[in-house]
Amino acid sequence: MAGMTKPKSPKFVEFDQERAAAFLAAQRPGAVYFPSPCYPAPSGPLSMRGVVAWMGSNVSVPIVWNGMTVGSEMVVVRTDGTLTKPYAYVVGTSSDGGLYSAGPFKHFPAHHVHPGQQVAPEDFFGHTPASKTKTP
């Protein structure tokens, strides 16, 4: 079909051991959690410019998506001028036991938050292709 492009497969990036341990230690079942402290990573989602926070949320039932068992979503929040921009990622494990993230996903209404706009952190979650996958 002319003008159509095939969607790209997501690129999974492995967490280093320190950040994987911090991410896993911060999880609370069924809740939005705010891993702390927020520190820049040498590569990956936390290395983007202007990061001010990151948070995560467990999925209610882990799903298999693109060969990974996804059990969490992570949102990295950065500032860009006066805007606040959350970026969603899926977090999962592979058969090698490593912890990986894929994203960013940013096509959701709360991706651009303007000064004074009220947005609940929960509005940043549930907007990834994996969150739309149904388990049998």
C-alpha atoms as a PDB file:
ATOM      1  CA  MET A   1       0.000   0.000   0.000  1.00  0.00           C
ATOM      2  CA  ALA A   2       1.442   3.323  -1.029  1.00  0.00           C
ATOM      3  CA  GLY A   3       2.256   5.746   1.764  1.00  0.00           C
ATOM      4  CA  MET A   4       1.867   3.167   4.544  1.00  0.00           C
ATOM      5  CA  THR A   5       4.744   2.096   6.714  1.00  0.00           C
ATOM      6  CA  LYS A   6       4.989  -1.003   8.821  1.00  0.00           C
ATOM      7  CA  PRO A   7       5.019  -0.220  12.563  1.00  0.00           C
ATOM      8  CA  LYS A   8       8.424  -0.680  14.134  1.00  0.00           C
ATOM      9  CA  SER A   9       8.897  -3.330  16.771  1.00  0.00           C
ATOM     10  CA  PRO A  10       9.732  -1.842  20.144  1.00  0.00           C
ATOM     11  CA  LYS A  11      13.355  -1.785  21.185  1.00  0.00           C
ATOM     12  CA  PHE A  12      13.897  -3.279  24.618  1.00  0.00           C
ATOM     13  CA  VAL A  13      16.727  -1.766  26.666  1.00  0.00           C
ATOM     14  CA  GLU A  14      18.129  -3.734  29.601  1.00  0.00           C
ATOM     15  CA  PHE A  15      18.310  -2.065  33.022  1.00  0.00           C
ATOM     16  CA  ASP A  16      21.717  -2.228  34.643  1.00  0.00           C
ATOM     17  CA  GLN A  17      21.777  -4.231  37.893  1.00  0.00           C
ATOM     18  CA  GLU A  18      21.706  -1.190  40.204  1.00  0.00           C
ATOM     19  CA  ARG A  19      18.688   0.406  38.545  1.00  0.00           C
ATOM     20  CA  ALA A  20      16.879  -2.921  38.184  1.00  0.00           C
ATOM     21  CA  ALA A  21      17.280  -3.522  41.927  1.00  0.00           C
ATOM     22  CA  ALA A  22      16.046   0.013  42.737  1.00  0.00           C
ATOM     23  CA  PHE A  23      13.043  -0.344  40.422  1.00  0.00           C
ATOM     24  CA  LEU A  24      12.043  -3.740  41.809  1.00  0.00           C
ATOM     25  CA  ALA A  25      12.533  -2.634  45.442  1.00  0.00           C
ATOM     26  CA  ALA A  26      10.192   0.341  44.946  1.00  0.00           C
ATOM     27  CA  GLN A  27       7.221  -1.678  43.681  1.00  0.00           C
ATOM     28  CA  ARG A  28       4.067  -1.902  45.722  1.00  0.00           C
ATOM     29  CA  PRO A  29       1.403  -4.357  44.545  1.00  0.00           C
ATOM     30  CA  GLY A  30      -1.484  -2.745  42.678  1.00  0.00           C
ATOM     31  CA  ALA A  31      -0.403   0.829  43.362  1.00  0.00           C
ATOM     32  CA  VAL A  32       1.294   3.715  41.638  1.00  0.00           C
ATOM     33  CA  TYR A  33       4.683   4.017  43.251  1.00  0.00           C
ATOM     34  CA  PHE A  34       7.319   6.708  43.038  1.00  0.00           C
ATOM     35  CA  PRO A  35      10.833   5.281  43.002  1.00  0.00           C
ATOM     36  CA  SER A  36      13.231   7.592  44.738  1.00  0.00           C
ATOM     37  CA  PRO A  37      15.662   9.160  44.388  1.00  0.00           C
ATOM     38  CA  CYS A  38      15.333  10.194  40.763  1.00  0.00           C
ATOM     39  CA  TYR A  39      18.824  10.048  39.327  1.00  0.00           C
ATOM     40  CA  PRO A  40      19.988  10.233  35.726  1.00  0.00           C
ATOM     41  CA  ALA A  41      21.005   6.987  34.109  1.00  0.00           C
ATOM     42  CA  PRO A  42      23.972   6.802  31.738  1.00  0.00           C
ATOM     43  CA  SER A  43      21.611   5.571  29.018  1.00  0.00           C
ATOM     44  CA  GLY A  44      17.964   4.752  28.542  1.00  0.00           C
ATOM     45  CA  PRO A  45      14.827   6.577  29.672  1.00  0.00           C
ATOM     46  CA  LEU A  46      16.304   8.336  32.679  1.00  0.00           C
ATOM     47  CA  SER A  47      19.080   9.874  30.607  1.00  0.00           C
ATOM     48  CA  MET A  48      16.734  12.227  28.716  1.00  0.00           C
ATOM     49  CA  ARG A  49      17.191  15.945  29.325  1.00  0.00           C
ATOM     50  CA  GLY A  50      15.063  17.630  32.000  1.00  0.00           C
ATOM     51  CA  VAL A  51      13.980  14.531  33.951  1.00  0.00           C
ATOM     52  CA  VAL A  52      12.306  15.614  37.191  1.00  0.00           C
ATOM     53  CA  ALA A  53      10.586  12.398  38.315  1.00  0.00           C
ATOM     54  CA  TRP A  54       9.841   8.804  37.480  1.00  0.00           C
ATOM     55  CA  MET A  55       7.118   6.534  38.710  1.00  0.00           C
ATOM     56  CA  GLY A  56       5.741   3.123  38.047  1.00  0.00           C
ATOM     57  CA  SER A  57       2.653   0.987  38.329  1.00  0.00           C
ATOM     58  CA  ASN A  58       2.187  -2.772  38.335  1.00  0.00           C
ATOM     59  CA  VAL A  59      -0.149  -4.244  35.757  1.00  0.00           C
ATOM     60  CA  SER A  60      -2.972  -6.250  37.322  1.00  0.00           C
ATOM     61  CA  VAL A  61      -2.032  -9.429  35.438  1.00  0.00           C
ATOM     62  CA  PRO A  62       1.404  -9.809  33.802  1.00  0.00           C
ATOM     63  CA  ILE A  63       1.147 -10.272  30.044  1.00  0.00           C
ATOM     64  CA  VAL A  64       3.456 -11.608  27.366  1.00  0.00           C
ATOM     65  CA  TRP A  65       4.098  -8.900  24.790  1.00  0.00           C
ATOM     66  CA  ASN A  66       6.738  -9.135  22.045  1.00  0.00           C
ATOM     67  CA  GLY A  67       8.456 -12.009  23.849  1.00  0.00           C
ATOM     68  CA  MET A  68       8.685 -10.216  27.207  1.00  0.00           C
ATOM     69  CA  THR A  69       6.647 -10.813  30.352  1.00  0.00           C
ATOM     70  CA  VAL A  70       5.424  -7.305  31.150  1.00  0.00           C
ATOM     71  CA  GLY A  71       4.581  -6.722  34.797  1.00  0.00           C
ATOM     72  CA  SER A  72       4.909  -2.942  35.131  1.00  0.00           C
ATOM     73  CA  GLU A  73       4.639   0.371  33.392  1.00  0.00           C
ATOM     74  CA  MET A  74       7.099   3.174  34.095  1.00  0.00           C
ATOM     75  CA  VAL A  75       6.588   6.863  33.422  1.00  0.00           C
ATOM     76  CA  VAL A  76       9.511   9.256  33.118  1.00  0.00           C
ATOM     77  CA  VAL A  77       8.511  12.893  33.591  1.00  0.00           C
ATOM     78  CA  ARG A  78      10.575  15.757  32.196  1.00  0.00           C
ATOM     79  CA  THR A  79      10.166  19.463  31.725  1.00  0.00           C
ATOM     80  CA  ASP A  80      10.490  21.225  28.389  1.00  0.00           C
ATOM     81  CA  GLY A  81      10.168  24.970  28.863  1.00  0.00           C
ATOM     82  CA  THR A  82       6.862  25.487  30.663  1.00  0.00           C
ATOM     83  CA  LEU A  83       5.476  22.067  29.691  1.00  0.00           C
ATOM     84  CA  THR A  84       5.653  18.895  31.732  1.00  0.00           C
ATOM     85  CA  LYS A  85       5.944  15.809  29.526  1.00  0.00           C
ATOM     86  CA  PRO A  86       5.404  12.272  30.822  1.00  0.00           C
ATOM     87  CA  TYR A  87       6.716   9.385  28.707  1.00  0.00           C
ATOM     88  CA  ALA A  88       5.338   5.871  29.256  1.00  0.00           C
ATOM     89  CA  TYR A  89       7.419   2.690  29.077  1.00  0.00           C
ATOM     90  CA  VAL A  90       6.635  -0.975  29.637  1.00  0.00           C
ATOM     91  CA  VAL A  91       8.907  -2.930  31.956  1.00  0.00           C
ATOM     92  CA  GLY A  92       9.299  -6.670  31.686  1.00  0.00           C
ATOM     93  CA  THR A  93      11.549  -9.649  32.061  1.00  0.00           C
ATOM     94  CA  SER A  94      12.891 -11.927  29.381  1.00  0.00           C
ATOM     95  CA  SER A  95      13.768 -15.590  29.449  1.00  0.00           C
ATOM     96  CA  ASP A  96      17.322 -14.611  30.472  1.00  0.00           C
ATOM     97  CA  GLY A  97      15.931 -13.069  33.684  1.00  0.00           C
ATOM     98  CA  GLY A  98      16.994  -9.528  32.775  1.00  0.00           C
ATOM     99  CA  LEU A  99      14.756  -6.512  33.407  1.00  0.00           C
ATOM    100  CA  TYR A 100      14.023  -4.483  30.270  1.00  0.00           C
ATOM    101  CA  SER A 101      12.065  -1.386  29.279  1.00  0.00           C
ATOM    102  CA  ALA A 102      10.507  -0.466  25.934  1.00  0.00           C
ATOM    103  CA  GLY A 103       9.236   2.936  24.871  1.00  0.00           C
ATOM    104  CA  PRO A 104       8.735   5.804  25.035  1.00  0.00           C
ATOM    105  CA  PHE A 105       5.021   5.912  24.313  1.00  0.00           C
ATOM    106  CA  LYS A 106       3.653   9.425  24.250  1.00  0.00           C
ATOM    107  CA  HIS A 107       0.390   9.396  22.310  1.00  0.00           C
ATOM    108  CA  PHE A 108      -2.049  10.057  25.155  1.00  0.00           C
ATOM    109  CA  PRO A 109      -3.980  13.147  26.322  1.00  0.00           C
ATOM    110  CA  ALA A 110      -1.794  13.872  29.370  1.00  0.00           C
ATOM    111  CA  HIS A 111       1.501  13.859  27.436  1.00  0.00           C
ATOM    112  CA  HIS A 112       1.632  17.676  27.383  1.00  0.00           C
ATOM    113  CA  VAL A 113       0.748  19.175  30.756  1.00  0.00           C
ATOM    114  CA  HIS A 114       0.493  22.969  30.740  1.00  0.00           C
ATOM    115  CA  PRO A 115       1.182  25.176  33.787  1.00  0.00           C
ATOM    116  CA  GLY A 116      -1.805  25.141  36.144  1.00  0.00           C
ATOM    117  CA  GLN A 117      -3.351  22.076  34.492  1.00  0.00           C
ATOM    118  CA  GLN A 118      -4.537  19.462  36.998  1.00  0.00           C
ATOM    119  CA  VAL A 119      -3.531  15.904  36.098  1.00  0.00           C
ATOM    120  CA  ALA A 120      -3.502  12.868  38.388  1.00  0.00           C
ATOM    121  CA  PRO A 121      -0.437  10.604  38.127  1.00  0.00           C
ATOM    122  CA  GLU A 122      -2.765   7.701  37.296  1.00  0.00           C
ATOM    123  CA  ASP A 123      -3.608   9.508  34.016  1.00  0.00           C
ATOM    124  CA  PHE A 124      -0.071   8.768  32.774  1.00  0.00           C
ATOM    125  CA  PHE A 125      -0.604   4.983  32.800  1.00  0.00           C
ATOM    126  CA  GLY A 126      -2.444   2.528  30.562  1.00  0.00           C
ATOM    127  CA  HIS A 127      -1.422   4.089  27.245  1.00  0.00           C
ATOM    128  CA  THR A 128       1.127   1.591  25.931  1.00  0.00           C
ATOM    129  CA  PRO A 129       0.488  -1.091  23.322  1.00  0.00           C
ATOM    130  CA  ALA A 130       1.103  -3.697  26.045  1.00  0.00           C
ATOM    131  CA  SER A 131      -1.534  -2.158  28.325  1.00  0.00           C
ATOM    132  CA  LYS A 132      -4.061  -2.614  25.542  1.00  0.00           C
ATOM    133  CA  THR A 133      -3.187  -6.317  25.135  1.00  0.00           C
ATOM    134  CA  LYS A 134      -5.745  -8.705  26.572  1.00  0.00           C
ATOM    135  CA  THR A 135      -4.668 -11.940  28.159  1.00  0.00           C
ATOM    136  CA  PRO A 136      -6.757 -15.019  27.340  1.00  0.00           C
END
